[in-house]
Each structure stands twice: as structure tokens, then as C-alpha cells.
Amino acid sequence: MSRIKKSSKKASAKSAYVVRHRDELRRKHRQVIYFNDPEKAAIEEYCSRFQVRHRSALLRDAIMSRILEILDQNPSSLF
């Protein structure tokens, strides 16, 4: 039996959108958020309960989903 030779080239997992808009998607603006003790404890409990390893992604997703939800509910008017 002959073995099938695997290709030495690795397939790129990047979508065409990411390749075209790489510079636009790069995060280059920093924001700092301060939490009090109960808020920090709640975040830590959530992360431990649901095995969240990347807290920055969690916070970014939560903030942006809330902002986009509010913007959808209150569209800007022309006049």
C-alpha cells in the first residue's frame, strides 16, 4: 500500500475579509476600566464557572454587544 503524501503547505485559516481588512481590525486604541471589589469578584466567579481564559475578550464582547444593542434601539434621526 502506498501512503498519501501530505502537502507541505499549510492551509491558511484566515478568511478573505480578515486578509483584506487586517489594518482596520487591528486594535490600537487602549481603554482602562476600573472595577470595585464586588464587580471584580463577580467577574472572577463568572470566569471560573464558565472556564473563561481570556477576560479581555469577554469584557470587549459584553461592552460592544450592549453598545450595539442600544444603538439599534435608538436610531439617529435626520431632523
N, C-alpha and C. Protein backbone atom coordinates (compact mmCIF):
# COMPACT_ATOMS: atom_id res chain seq x y z
N MET A 1 0.84 -1.18 0.00
CA MET A 1 0.00 0.00 0.00
C MET A 1 0.88 1.24 0.00
N SER A 2 0.46 2.18 -0.76
CA SER A 2 1.22 3.43 -0.79
C SER A 2 0.58 4.44 0.16
N ARG A 3 1.40 5.21 0.74
CA ARG A 3 0.91 6.25 1.65
C ARG A 3 0.63 7.52 0.87
N ILE A 4 -0.34 8.24 1.32
CA ILE A 4 -0.65 9.52 0.70
C ILE A 4 0.27 10.56 1.28
N LYS A 5 0.97 11.25 0.42
CA LYS A 5 1.91 12.27 0.87
C LYS A 5 1.15 13.55 1.19
N LYS A 6 1.35 14.05 2.39
CA LYS A 6 0.68 15.28 2.80
C LYS A 6 1.38 16.48 2.19
N SER A 7 0.62 17.48 1.89
CA SER A 7 1.17 18.70 1.33
C SER A 7 1.99 19.42 2.38
N SER A 8 3.10 19.98 1.97
CA SER A 8 3.95 20.71 2.91
C SER A 8 3.42 22.11 3.18
N LYS A 9 2.54 22.60 2.30
CA LYS A 9 1.96 23.93 2.51
C LYS A 9 0.83 23.84 3.53
N LYS A 10 0.82 24.76 4.44
CA LYS A 10 -0.25 24.81 5.43
C LYS A 10 -1.37 25.68 4.89
N ALA A 11 -2.59 25.20 5.05
CA ALA A 11 -3.74 25.97 4.59
C ALA A 11 -3.95 27.15 5.53
N SER A 12 -4.19 28.29 4.94
CA SER A 12 -4.41 29.49 5.73
C SER A 12 -5.84 29.49 6.26
N ALA A 13 -5.98 29.71 7.56
CA ALA A 13 -7.30 29.73 8.18
C ALA A 13 -7.92 31.12 8.15
N LYS A 14 -7.18 32.09 7.63
CA LYS A 14 -7.68 33.45 7.60
C LYS A 14 -8.69 33.62 6.48
N SER A 15 -9.79 34.25 6.80
CA SER A 15 -10.80 34.49 5.78
C SER A 15 -10.35 35.64 4.87
N ALA A 16 -10.97 35.73 3.73
CA ALA A 16 -10.64 36.79 2.79
C ALA A 16 -10.91 38.16 3.41
N TYR A 17 -11.96 38.25 4.23
CA TYR A 17 -12.29 39.52 4.87
C TYR A 17 -11.16 39.96 5.80
N VAL A 18 -10.65 39.04 6.59
CA VAL A 18 -9.60 39.38 7.54
C VAL A 18 -8.34 39.82 6.80
N VAL A 19 -8.04 39.13 5.72
CA VAL A 19 -6.84 39.49 4.96
C VAL A 19 -7.00 40.88 4.36
N ARG A 20 -8.19 41.18 3.82
CA ARG A 20 -8.40 42.49 3.19
C ARG A 20 -8.46 43.63 4.19
N HIS A 21 -8.96 43.36 5.38
CA HIS A 21 -9.18 44.43 6.36
C HIS A 21 -8.32 44.27 7.60
N ARG A 22 -7.14 43.73 7.44
CA ARG A 22 -6.26 43.46 8.57
C ARG A 22 -5.93 44.73 9.36
N ASP A 23 -5.61 45.80 8.66
CA ASP A 23 -5.27 47.05 9.36
C ASP A 23 -6.46 47.64 10.08
N GLU A 24 -7.65 47.50 9.51
CA GLU A 24 -8.84 48.04 10.16
C GLU A 24 -9.19 47.25 11.41
N LEU A 25 -8.90 45.97 11.42
CA LEU A 25 -9.26 45.12 12.55
C LEU A 25 -8.23 45.14 13.68
N ARG A 26 -7.07 45.69 13.43
CA ARG A 26 -6.03 45.75 14.46
C ARG A 26 -6.48 46.70 15.57
N ARG A 27 -6.39 46.21 16.79
CA ARG A 27 -6.79 47.04 17.94
C ARG A 27 -5.60 47.88 18.37
N LYS A 28 -5.76 49.20 18.25
CA LYS A 28 -4.65 50.08 18.59
C LYS A 28 -5.03 51.18 19.57
N HIS A 29 -6.28 51.18 20.03
CA HIS A 29 -6.74 52.19 20.99
C HIS A 29 -6.96 51.50 22.34
N ARG A 30 -6.35 52.03 23.36
CA ARG A 30 -6.40 51.43 24.69
C ARG A 30 -7.41 52.15 25.56
N GLN A 31 -8.19 51.38 26.31
CA GLN A 31 -9.13 51.90 27.30
C GLN A 31 -8.87 51.18 28.61
N VAL A 32 -8.93 51.90 29.70
CA VAL A 32 -8.71 51.30 31.01
C VAL A 32 -10.01 51.38 31.79
N ILE A 33 -10.38 50.28 32.43
CA ILE A 33 -11.61 50.21 33.22
C ILE A 33 -11.24 49.82 34.64
N TYR A 34 -11.80 50.52 35.60
CA TYR A 34 -11.58 50.19 37.00
C TYR A 34 -12.84 49.57 37.56
N PHE A 35 -12.69 48.48 38.32
CA PHE A 35 -13.80 47.79 38.96
C PHE A 35 -13.65 47.87 40.47
N ASN A 36 -14.78 47.91 41.18
CA ASN A 36 -14.71 47.83 42.64
C ASN A 36 -14.64 46.35 43.03
N ASP A 37 -14.51 46.08 44.32
CA ASP A 37 -14.31 44.70 44.78
C ASP A 37 -15.46 43.77 44.42
N PRO A 38 -16.74 44.14 44.63
CA PRO A 38 -17.82 43.23 44.25
C PRO A 38 -17.89 42.95 42.74
N GLU A 39 -17.62 43.97 41.94
CA GLU A 39 -17.62 43.77 40.49
C GLU A 39 -16.50 42.81 40.07
N LYS A 40 -15.33 43.01 40.63
CA LYS A 40 -14.19 42.14 40.32
C LYS A 40 -14.47 40.71 40.75
N ALA A 41 -15.09 40.54 41.92
CA ALA A 41 -15.43 39.20 42.41
C ALA A 41 -16.45 38.53 41.48
N ALA A 42 -17.41 39.30 40.98
CA ALA A 42 -18.41 38.75 40.06
C ALA A 42 -17.77 38.30 38.76
N ILE A 43 -16.84 39.09 38.24
CA ILE A 43 -16.13 38.73 37.01
C ILE A 43 -15.30 37.47 37.22
N GLU A 44 -14.60 37.40 38.33
CA GLU A 44 -13.78 36.22 38.62
C GLU A 44 -14.64 34.97 38.78
N GLU A 45 -15.79 35.10 39.45
CA GLU A 45 -16.68 33.95 39.61
C GLU A 45 -17.23 33.48 38.27
N TYR A 46 -17.63 34.42 37.43
CA TYR A 46 -18.13 34.08 36.10
C TYR A 46 -17.05 33.35 35.29
N CYS A 47 -15.84 33.88 35.31
CA CYS A 47 -14.75 33.28 34.55
C CYS A 47 -14.40 31.89 35.05
N SER A 48 -14.42 31.68 36.35
CA SER A 48 -14.11 30.36 36.88
C SER A 48 -15.25 29.38 36.61
N ARG A 49 -16.48 29.83 36.69
CA ARG A 49 -17.64 28.96 36.47
C ARG A 49 -17.74 28.51 35.02
N PHE A 50 -17.46 29.40 34.09
CA PHE A 50 -17.62 29.10 32.67
C PHE A 50 -16.29 28.92 31.94
N GLN A 51 -15.20 28.70 32.68
CA GLN A 51 -13.86 28.44 32.15
C GLN A 51 -13.44 29.46 31.09
N VAL A 52 -13.61 30.74 31.42
CA VAL A 52 -13.18 31.83 30.53
C VAL A 52 -11.72 32.10 30.83
N ARG A 53 -10.88 31.97 29.79
CA ARG A 53 -9.45 32.20 29.98
C ARG A 53 -9.04 33.60 29.56
N HIS A 54 -9.74 34.18 28.61
CA HIS A 54 -9.36 35.50 28.09
C HIS A 54 -10.41 36.53 28.52
N ARG A 55 -10.13 37.17 29.61
CA ARG A 55 -11.09 38.14 30.16
C ARG A 55 -11.25 39.36 29.29
N SER A 56 -10.20 39.77 28.60
CA SER A 56 -10.31 40.95 27.75
C SER A 56 -11.32 40.71 26.64
N ALA A 57 -11.32 39.52 26.05
CA ALA A 57 -12.28 39.19 25.00
C ALA A 57 -13.70 39.16 25.57
N LEU A 58 -13.86 38.64 26.77
CA LEU A 58 -15.17 38.60 27.43
C LEU A 58 -15.70 40.01 27.66
N LEU A 59 -14.86 40.88 28.21
CA LEU A 59 -15.29 42.25 28.50
C LEU A 59 -15.56 43.03 27.22
N ARG A 60 -14.70 42.85 26.21
CA ARG A 60 -14.90 43.53 24.94
C ARG A 60 -16.22 43.10 24.30
N ASP A 61 -16.50 41.80 24.32
CA ASP A 61 -17.74 41.29 23.74
C ASP A 61 -18.96 41.81 24.50
N ALA A 62 -18.89 41.82 25.82
CA ALA A 62 -20.02 42.29 26.64
C ALA A 62 -20.28 43.77 26.40
N ILE A 63 -19.23 44.55 26.37
CA ILE A 63 -19.38 46.00 26.18
C ILE A 63 -19.91 46.31 24.79
N MET A 64 -19.31 45.71 23.77
CA MET A 64 -19.73 46.00 22.40
C MET A 64 -21.14 45.49 22.10
N SER A 65 -21.51 44.35 22.66
CA SER A 65 -22.87 43.85 22.41
C SER A 65 -23.90 44.79 23.04
N ARG A 66 -23.61 45.31 24.21
CA ARG A 66 -24.53 46.26 24.87
C ARG A 66 -24.61 47.57 24.09
N ILE A 67 -23.49 48.07 23.64
CA ILE A 67 -23.47 49.32 22.87
C ILE A 67 -24.25 49.16 21.58
N LEU A 68 -24.01 48.07 20.86
CA LEU A 68 -24.72 47.85 19.59
C LEU A 68 -26.21 47.64 19.81
N GLU A 69 -26.58 47.00 20.91
CA GLU A 69 -27.99 46.82 21.24
C GLU A 69 -28.68 48.17 21.47
N ILE A 70 -28.04 49.05 22.21
CA ILE A 70 -28.60 50.37 22.48
C ILE A 70 -28.69 51.19 21.20
N LEU A 71 -27.67 51.12 20.37
CA LEU A 71 -27.69 51.87 19.10
C LEU A 71 -28.80 51.37 18.18
N ASP A 72 -29.07 50.07 18.19
CA ASP A 72 -30.16 49.53 17.37
C ASP A 72 -31.52 49.99 17.88
N GLN A 73 -31.67 50.14 19.19
CA GLN A 73 -32.94 50.57 19.77
C GLN A 73 -33.19 52.06 19.57
N ASN A 74 -32.14 52.84 19.45
CA ASN A 74 -32.27 54.29 19.33
C ASN A 74 -31.56 54.78 18.07
N PRO A 75 -32.18 54.56 16.90
CA PRO A 75 -31.53 55.03 15.68
C PRO A 75 -31.49 56.54 15.63
N SER A 76 -30.48 57.08 14.98
CA SER A 76 -30.37 58.53 14.88
C SER A 76 -31.41 59.04 13.89
N SER A 77 -31.87 60.24 14.13
CA SER A 77 -32.87 60.84 13.23
C SER A 77 -32.20 61.93 12.40
N LEU A 78 -32.77 62.18 11.25
CA LEU A 78 -32.19 63.19 10.37
C LEU A 78 -32.54 64.59 10.80
N PHE A 79 -33.65 64.78 11.47
CA PHE A 79 -34.08 66.13 11.82
C PHE A 79 -34.27 66.28 13.30
